[in-house]
Amino acid sequence: MIRRFNRRNKLAMPEVTLTPLIDTALTLLVIFMVATPMLHNAVNVELPRSQGKAESEPKKEDLVVYIDKKEKFYLNDSPLTLNELIASIKKKTNQKNAQTVFVKADKQVSHGTVCEFVDRLKYMGGIKNVALATQVNQRKES
């Protein structure tokens, strides 16, 4: 038996709708945009407040040292002891390209701990500046 198909009886081609795919992609984009800044500051440090304006922000090549309220040291989010931290900074710095070291210490950390760390950095070569980070209060102008 032979079957004949008319133009009217053609099989309909299924269509793929892209709307759910686009909705999913945009939802994931929003989730990543919200989650990325939270992942950037993995070390929980509450900076002391100061009056004034922010002078500079760390660049990608700068070293950022975090000291949390339990006085644990972190170099760019990886935990280290003080001696390991100093050795790691010595490896990453050199005399030709002096770097800035940003120290982000929790406001509950004793002043002596921060001073001891900065003193050890002072005699190390390859460091241009040591910046102590603070959280800037927004002034209300009347």
N, C-alpha and C. Protein backbone atom coordinates (compact mmCIF):
# COMPACT_ATOMS: atom_id res chain seq x y z
N MET A 1 0.83 -1.16 0.00
CA MET A 1 0.00 0.00 0.00
C MET A 1 0.90 1.24 0.00
N ILE A 2 0.62 2.16 -0.85
CA ILE A 2 1.42 3.38 -1.00
C ILE A 2 0.66 4.54 -0.35
N ARG A 3 1.39 5.29 0.44
CA ARG A 3 0.78 6.44 1.09
C ARG A 3 1.18 7.69 0.36
N ARG A 4 0.26 8.52 0.20
CA ARG A 4 0.54 9.80 -0.45
C ARG A 4 0.25 10.92 0.54
N PHE A 5 1.14 11.93 0.53
CA PHE A 5 0.95 13.07 1.41
C PHE A 5 0.66 14.30 0.58
N ASN A 6 -0.31 14.98 0.97
CA ASN A 6 -0.61 16.27 0.33
C ASN A 6 0.20 17.35 1.04
N ARG A 7 0.21 18.51 0.42
CA ARG A 7 0.88 19.63 1.08
C ARG A 7 0.15 20.00 2.36
N ARG A 8 -1.11 19.78 2.38
CA ARG A 8 -1.89 20.11 3.57
C ARG A 8 -1.59 19.16 4.72
N ASN A 9 -1.21 17.97 4.43
CA ASN A 9 -1.01 16.96 5.46
C ASN A 9 0.45 16.81 5.87
N LYS A 10 1.29 17.81 5.60
CA LYS A 10 2.69 17.71 6.00
C LYS A 10 2.80 17.66 7.51
N LEU A 11 3.80 16.97 7.96
CA LEU A 11 4.02 16.89 9.40
C LEU A 11 4.53 18.24 9.90
N ALA A 12 4.01 18.68 10.99
CA ALA A 12 4.43 19.97 11.55
C ALA A 12 5.78 19.80 12.24
N MET A 13 6.69 20.74 11.97
CA MET A 13 8.02 20.74 12.59
C MET A 13 7.90 21.33 13.99
N PRO A 14 8.43 20.64 14.98
CA PRO A 14 8.37 21.20 16.33
C PRO A 14 9.27 22.44 16.44
N GLU A 15 8.80 23.44 17.18
CA GLU A 15 9.57 24.67 17.36
C GLU A 15 10.20 24.66 18.75
N VAL A 16 11.40 25.17 18.81
CA VAL A 16 12.10 25.28 20.08
C VAL A 16 11.94 26.71 20.56
N THR A 17 11.36 26.88 21.73
CA THR A 17 11.19 28.23 22.26
C THR A 17 12.41 28.58 23.09
N LEU A 18 12.94 29.74 22.86
CA LEU A 18 14.15 30.18 23.56
C LEU A 18 13.85 30.99 24.82
N THR A 19 12.60 31.29 25.06
CA THR A 19 12.25 32.13 26.21
C THR A 19 12.69 31.52 27.53
N PRO A 20 12.45 30.25 27.82
CA PRO A 20 12.92 29.69 29.10
C PRO A 20 14.45 29.70 29.21
N LEU A 21 15.12 29.46 28.12
CA LEU A 21 16.59 29.46 28.12
C LEU A 21 17.12 30.86 28.44
N ILE A 22 16.54 31.87 27.83
CA ILE A 22 16.97 33.25 28.08
C ILE A 22 16.65 33.65 29.51
N ASP A 23 15.48 33.28 30.01
CA ASP A 23 15.12 33.58 31.41
C ASP A 23 16.11 32.95 32.38
N THR A 24 16.47 31.72 32.13
CA THR A 24 17.43 31.02 33.00
C THR A 24 18.79 31.69 32.95
N ALA A 25 19.25 32.04 31.76
CA ALA A 25 20.56 32.68 31.62
C ALA A 25 20.60 34.04 32.34
N LEU A 26 19.55 34.82 32.21
CA LEU A 26 19.52 36.12 32.88
C LEU A 26 19.41 35.97 34.40
N THR A 27 18.69 34.97 34.86
CA THR A 27 18.61 34.71 36.30
C THR A 27 19.97 34.33 36.86
N LEU A 28 20.69 33.47 36.17
CA LEU A 28 22.04 33.10 36.60
C LEU A 28 22.98 34.29 36.58
N LEU A 29 22.85 35.15 35.60
CA LEU A 29 23.67 36.35 35.52
C LEU A 29 23.45 37.23 36.75
N VAL A 30 22.20 37.43 37.14
CA VAL A 30 21.90 38.25 38.31
C VAL A 30 22.44 37.59 39.58
N ILE A 31 22.31 36.29 39.70
CA ILE A 31 22.82 35.58 40.88
C ILE A 31 24.33 35.74 40.97
N PHE A 32 25.05 35.59 39.87
CA PHE A 32 26.51 35.74 39.89
C PHE A 32 26.92 37.19 40.18
N MET A 33 26.15 38.15 39.68
CA MET A 33 26.48 39.55 39.94
C MET A 33 26.32 39.87 41.43
N VAL A 34 25.37 39.26 42.08
CA VAL A 34 25.17 39.50 43.51
C VAL A 34 26.18 38.72 44.34
N ALA A 35 26.50 37.51 43.94
CA ALA A 35 27.37 36.64 44.74
C ALA A 35 28.85 36.98 44.61
N THR A 36 29.29 37.52 43.49
CA THR A 36 30.72 37.79 43.28
C THR A 36 31.31 38.75 44.29
N PRO A 37 30.69 39.89 44.59
CA PRO A 37 31.29 40.76 45.62
C PRO A 37 31.38 40.11 46.99
N MET A 38 30.46 39.21 47.30
CA MET A 38 30.52 38.52 48.58
C MET A 38 31.70 37.55 48.63
N LEU A 39 32.03 36.94 47.52
CA LEU A 39 33.15 36.01 47.49
C LEU A 39 34.48 36.74 47.52
N HIS A 40 34.48 37.98 47.06
CA HIS A 40 35.72 38.74 47.01
C HIS A 40 36.28 38.98 48.41
N ASN A 41 35.43 39.32 49.35
CA ASN A 41 35.86 39.53 50.73
C ASN A 41 35.53 38.29 51.54
N ALA A 42 36.31 37.25 51.35
CA ALA A 42 36.06 36.00 52.04
C ALA A 42 36.47 36.09 53.51
N VAL A 43 37.42 36.99 53.83
CA VAL A 43 37.86 37.17 55.20
C VAL A 43 36.97 38.23 55.83
N ASN A 44 36.36 37.88 56.95
CA ASN A 44 35.43 38.79 57.61
C ASN A 44 36.21 39.75 58.50
N VAL A 45 36.40 40.98 58.02
CA VAL A 45 37.14 42.00 58.76
C VAL A 45 36.27 43.24 58.83
N GLU A 46 36.04 43.73 60.04
CA GLU A 46 35.30 44.98 60.21
C GLU A 46 36.33 46.08 60.41
N LEU A 47 36.48 46.92 59.40
CA LEU A 47 37.50 47.97 59.43
C LEU A 47 37.08 49.10 60.36
N PRO A 48 38.06 49.75 61.00
CA PRO A 48 37.73 50.93 61.80
C PRO A 48 37.23 52.06 60.91
N ARG A 49 36.42 52.94 61.47
CA ARG A 49 35.85 54.05 60.70
C ARG A 49 36.76 55.27 60.79
N SER A 50 36.72 56.08 59.73
CA SER A 50 37.50 57.32 59.71
C SER A 50 36.73 58.40 58.98
N GLN A 51 37.09 59.63 59.22
CA GLN A 51 36.51 60.76 58.50
C GLN A 51 37.43 61.07 57.32
N GLY A 52 36.87 61.50 56.25
CA GLY A 52 37.70 61.86 55.10
C GLY A 52 37.28 61.13 53.86
N LYS A 53 38.19 61.10 52.90
CA LYS A 53 37.88 60.45 51.63
C LYS A 53 38.83 59.29 51.40
N ALA A 54 38.42 58.38 50.58
CA ALA A 54 39.24 57.21 50.25
C ALA A 54 40.36 57.66 49.32
N GLU A 55 41.59 57.35 49.69
CA GLU A 55 42.74 57.77 48.90
C GLU A 55 42.97 56.84 47.71
N SER A 56 43.04 55.55 47.97
CA SER A 56 43.28 54.61 46.87
C SER A 56 42.74 53.24 47.24
N GLU A 57 42.46 52.48 46.23
CA GLU A 57 41.98 51.10 46.39
C GLU A 57 43.08 50.16 45.92
N PRO A 58 43.15 48.96 46.48
CA PRO A 58 44.17 48.00 46.03
C PRO A 58 43.98 47.62 44.57
N LYS A 59 45.10 47.57 43.86
CA LYS A 59 45.08 47.09 42.48
C LYS A 59 45.32 45.59 42.50
N LYS A 60 45.17 44.98 41.35
CA LYS A 60 45.31 43.53 41.27
C LYS A 60 46.71 43.07 41.67
N GLU A 61 47.73 43.86 41.33
CA GLU A 61 49.10 43.45 41.63
C GLU A 61 49.53 43.78 43.05
N ASP A 62 48.75 44.61 43.77
CA ASP A 62 49.08 44.95 45.14
C ASP A 62 48.80 43.78 46.07
N LEU A 63 49.49 43.78 47.18
CA LEU A 63 49.29 42.73 48.19
C LEU A 63 48.32 43.24 49.24
N VAL A 64 47.36 42.43 49.61
CA VAL A 64 46.37 42.78 50.63
C VAL A 64 46.52 41.79 51.78
N VAL A 65 46.83 42.31 52.96
CA VAL A 65 46.99 41.49 54.15
C VAL A 65 45.79 41.77 55.05
N TYR A 66 45.09 40.71 55.44
CA TYR A 66 43.95 40.82 56.35
C TYR A 66 44.38 40.30 57.71
N ILE A 67 43.94 41.00 58.77
CA ILE A 67 44.13 40.51 60.13
C ILE A 67 42.74 40.48 60.76
N ASP A 68 42.23 39.28 61.04
CA ASP A 68 40.88 39.19 61.59
C ASP A 68 40.88 39.41 63.10
N LYS A 69 39.71 39.41 63.70
CA LYS A 69 39.61 39.74 65.12
C LYS A 69 40.26 38.70 66.02
N LYS A 70 40.55 37.51 65.50
CA LYS A 70 41.27 36.49 66.26
C LYS A 70 42.78 36.61 66.04
N GLU A 71 43.18 37.70 65.37
CA GLU A 71 44.57 38.02 65.05
C GLU A 71 45.23 36.95 64.19
N LYS A 72 44.46 36.40 63.25
CA LYS A 72 45.00 35.48 62.24
C LYS A 72 45.30 36.29 60.99
N PHE A 73 46.39 35.96 60.34
CA PHE A 73 46.85 36.70 59.17
C PHE A 73 46.45 35.98 57.89
N TYR A 74 46.07 36.76 56.88
CA TYR A 74 45.70 36.23 55.57
C TYR A 74 46.39 37.09 54.52
N LEU A 75 46.96 36.45 53.51
CA LEU A 75 47.53 37.16 52.37
C LEU A 75 46.66 36.84 51.17
N ASN A 76 45.94 37.85 50.68
CA ASN A 76 45.02 37.67 49.55
C ASN A 76 44.12 36.46 49.78
N ASP A 77 43.49 36.38 50.93
CA ASP A 77 42.50 35.37 51.32
C ASP A 77 43.06 34.01 51.70
N SER A 78 44.37 33.81 51.73
CA SER A 78 44.91 32.51 52.17
C SER A 78 45.53 32.68 53.55
N PRO A 79 45.13 31.84 54.54
CA PRO A 79 45.62 31.99 55.91
C PRO A 79 47.08 31.58 56.04
N LEU A 80 47.84 32.40 56.80
CA LEU A 80 49.26 32.14 57.03
C LEU A 80 49.62 32.57 58.45
N THR A 81 50.71 32.00 59.00
CA THR A 81 51.25 32.52 60.25
C THR A 81 52.04 33.77 59.92
N LEU A 82 52.45 34.52 60.95
CA LEU A 82 53.17 35.77 60.72
C LEU A 82 54.48 35.52 59.98
N ASN A 83 55.23 34.50 60.39
CA ASN A 83 56.51 34.22 59.72
C ASN A 83 56.31 33.76 58.29
N GLU A 84 55.29 32.92 58.05
CA GLU A 84 54.99 32.50 56.68
C GLU A 84 54.56 33.69 55.83
N LEU A 85 53.81 34.60 56.43
CA LEU A 85 53.34 35.80 55.73
C LEU A 85 54.52 36.66 55.30
N ILE A 86 55.45 36.90 56.21
CA ILE A 86 56.63 37.72 55.89
C ILE A 86 57.45 37.05 54.79
N ALA A 87 57.65 35.74 54.86
CA ALA A 87 58.40 35.01 53.83
C ALA A 87 57.69 35.08 52.48
N SER A 88 56.36 34.96 52.50
CA SER A 88 55.59 35.01 51.25
C SER A 88 55.66 36.41 50.63
N ILE A 89 55.60 37.44 51.45
CA ILE A 89 55.70 38.81 50.93
C ILE A 89 57.08 39.06 50.35
N LYS A 90 58.12 38.52 50.99
CA LYS A 90 59.49 38.67 50.46
C LYS A 90 59.61 38.03 49.08
N LYS A 91 58.96 36.88 48.89
CA LYS A 91 59.01 36.21 47.59
C LYS A 91 58.29 37.01 46.52
N LYS A 92 57.18 37.65 46.89
CA LYS A 92 56.35 38.34 45.89
C LYS A 92 56.82 39.74 45.57
N THR A 93 57.69 40.31 46.38
CA THR A 93 58.16 41.67 46.12
C THR A 93 59.58 41.63 45.59
N ASN A 94 59.91 42.66 44.86
CA ASN A 94 61.29 42.81 44.39
C ASN A 94 61.65 44.29 44.38
N GLN A 95 62.92 44.59 44.26
CA GLN A 95 63.39 45.97 44.35
C GLN A 95 62.97 46.81 43.15
N LYS A 96 62.87 46.22 41.98
CA LYS A 96 62.58 46.98 40.76
C LYS A 96 61.15 47.51 40.74
N ASN A 97 60.20 46.67 41.03
CA ASN A 97 58.79 47.06 41.03
C ASN A 97 58.28 47.09 42.46
N ALA A 98 58.48 48.21 43.13
CA ALA A 98 58.04 48.33 44.51
C ALA A 98 56.53 48.29 44.56
N GLN A 99 56.00 47.55 45.52
CA GLN A 99 54.56 47.36 45.64
C GLN A 99 54.04 48.02 46.90
N THR A 100 52.75 48.26 46.90
CA THR A 100 52.07 48.76 48.08
C THR A 100 51.42 47.57 48.79
N VAL A 101 51.56 47.52 50.09
CA VAL A 101 50.92 46.48 50.90
C VAL A 101 49.77 47.14 51.64
N PHE A 102 48.55 46.66 51.41
CA PHE A 102 47.37 47.16 52.10
C PHE A 102 47.10 46.26 53.30
N VAL A 103 47.01 46.86 54.46
CA VAL A 103 46.74 46.11 55.69
C VAL A 103 45.30 46.41 56.10
N LYS A 104 44.47 45.39 56.08
CA LYS A 104 43.07 45.52 56.48
C LYS A 104 42.89 44.76 57.78
N ALA A 105 43.04 45.48 58.89
CA ALA A 105 42.95 44.86 60.21
C ALA A 105 41.59 45.16 60.82
N ASP A 106 41.02 44.15 61.46
CA ASP A 106 39.74 44.32 62.15
C ASP A 106 39.92 45.35 63.26
N LYS A 107 38.85 46.08 63.57
CA LYS A 107 38.95 47.14 64.57
C LYS A 107 39.17 46.58 65.97
N GLN A 108 38.96 45.30 66.19
CA GLN A 108 39.18 44.70 67.50
C GLN A 108 40.60 44.18 67.68
N VAL A 109 41.42 44.21 66.62
CA VAL A 109 42.80 43.76 66.71
C VAL A 109 43.60 44.79 67.50
N SER A 110 44.48 44.31 68.37
CA SER A 110 45.26 45.25 69.19
C SER A 110 46.23 46.04 68.31
N HIS A 111 46.45 47.26 68.73
CA HIS A 111 47.34 48.17 68.00
C HIS A 111 48.76 47.59 67.92
N GLY A 112 49.16 46.88 68.97
CA GLY A 112 50.50 46.30 69.00
C GLY A 112 50.72 45.26 67.91
N THR A 113 49.70 44.47 67.61
CA THR A 113 49.81 43.44 66.57
C THR A 113 50.03 44.09 65.20
N VAL A 114 49.28 45.14 64.93
CA VAL A 114 49.41 45.83 63.65
C VAL A 114 50.78 46.50 63.56
N CYS A 115 51.22 47.16 64.65
CA CYS A 115 52.52 47.83 64.65
C CYS A 115 53.67 46.84 64.47
N GLU A 116 53.56 45.68 65.11
CA GLU A 116 54.60 44.66 64.97
C GLU A 116 54.71 44.20 63.51
N PHE A 117 53.57 43.99 62.88
CA PHE A 117 53.57 43.57 61.48
C PHE A 117 54.16 44.65 60.58
N VAL A 118 53.74 45.90 60.78
CA VAL A 118 54.25 47.01 59.95
C VAL A 118 55.75 47.19 60.17
N ASP A 119 56.23 47.02 61.41
CA ASP A 119 57.67 47.11 61.68
C ASP A 119 58.46 46.06 60.92
N ARG A 120 57.90 44.86 60.85
CA ARG A 120 58.60 43.79 60.10
C ARG A 120 58.62 44.09 58.61
N LEU A 121 57.57 44.76 58.11
CA LEU A 121 57.54 45.13 56.69
C LEU A 121 58.50 46.27 56.39
N LYS A 122 58.74 47.12 57.38
CA LYS A 122 59.53 48.33 57.19
C LYS A 122 60.96 48.01 56.72
N TYR A 123 61.50 46.93 57.19
CA TYR A 123 62.89 46.58 56.87
C TYR A 123 63.01 45.63 55.69
N MET A 124 61.90 45.38 55.04
CA MET A 124 61.90 44.48 53.89
C MET A 124 62.02 45.31 52.61
N GLY A 125 62.80 44.87 51.67
CA GLY A 125 62.93 45.59 50.40
C GLY A 125 61.79 45.28 49.46
N GLY A 126 61.54 46.16 48.52
CA GLY A 126 60.53 45.92 47.49
C GLY A 126 59.15 46.42 47.84
N ILE A 127 59.03 47.10 48.98
CA ILE A 127 57.72 47.62 49.38
C ILE A 127 57.77 49.14 49.31
N LYS A 128 56.90 49.68 48.51
CA LYS A 128 56.85 51.13 48.32
C LYS A 128 56.13 51.81 49.48
N ASN A 129 54.92 51.35 49.81
CA ASN A 129 54.11 51.92 50.87
C ASN A 129 53.39 50.82 51.61
N VAL A 130 53.04 51.14 52.86
CA VAL A 130 52.15 50.29 53.63
C VAL A 130 50.93 51.14 53.94
N ALA A 131 49.76 50.71 53.48
CA ALA A 131 48.53 51.47 53.66
C ALA A 131 47.64 50.75 54.66
N LEU A 132 47.22 51.47 55.69
CA LEU A 132 46.29 50.91 56.67
C LEU A 132 44.88 51.28 56.23
N ALA A 133 44.09 50.29 55.94
CA ALA A 133 42.75 50.52 55.40
C ALA A 133 41.76 50.85 56.51
N THR A 134 40.87 51.78 56.20
CA THR A 134 39.77 52.11 57.11
C THR A 134 38.50 52.19 56.30
N GLN A 135 37.37 52.19 57.01
CA GLN A 135 36.08 52.35 56.36
C GLN A 135 35.72 53.82 56.47
N VAL A 136 35.48 54.46 55.34
CA VAL A 136 35.23 55.89 55.32
C VAL A 136 33.78 56.18 55.63
N ASN A 137 33.56 57.08 56.60
CA ASN A 137 32.21 57.54 56.90
C ASN A 137 31.79 58.55 55.84
N GLN A 138 30.56 58.46 55.41
CA GLN A 138 30.04 59.43 54.46
C GLN A 138 29.58 60.67 55.22
N ARG A 139 30.16 61.80 54.88
CA ARG A 139 29.77 63.05 55.54
C ARG A 139 28.46 63.55 54.97
N LYS A 140 27.63 64.05 55.85
CA LYS A 140 26.35 64.65 55.40
C LYS A 140 26.55 66.14 55.33
N GLU A 141 26.47 66.66 54.13
CA GLU A 141 26.63 68.09 53.94
C GLU A 141 25.28 68.76 54.13
N SER A 142 25.23 69.83 54.92
CA SER A 142 23.97 70.54 55.12
C SER A 142 23.95 71.84 54.39
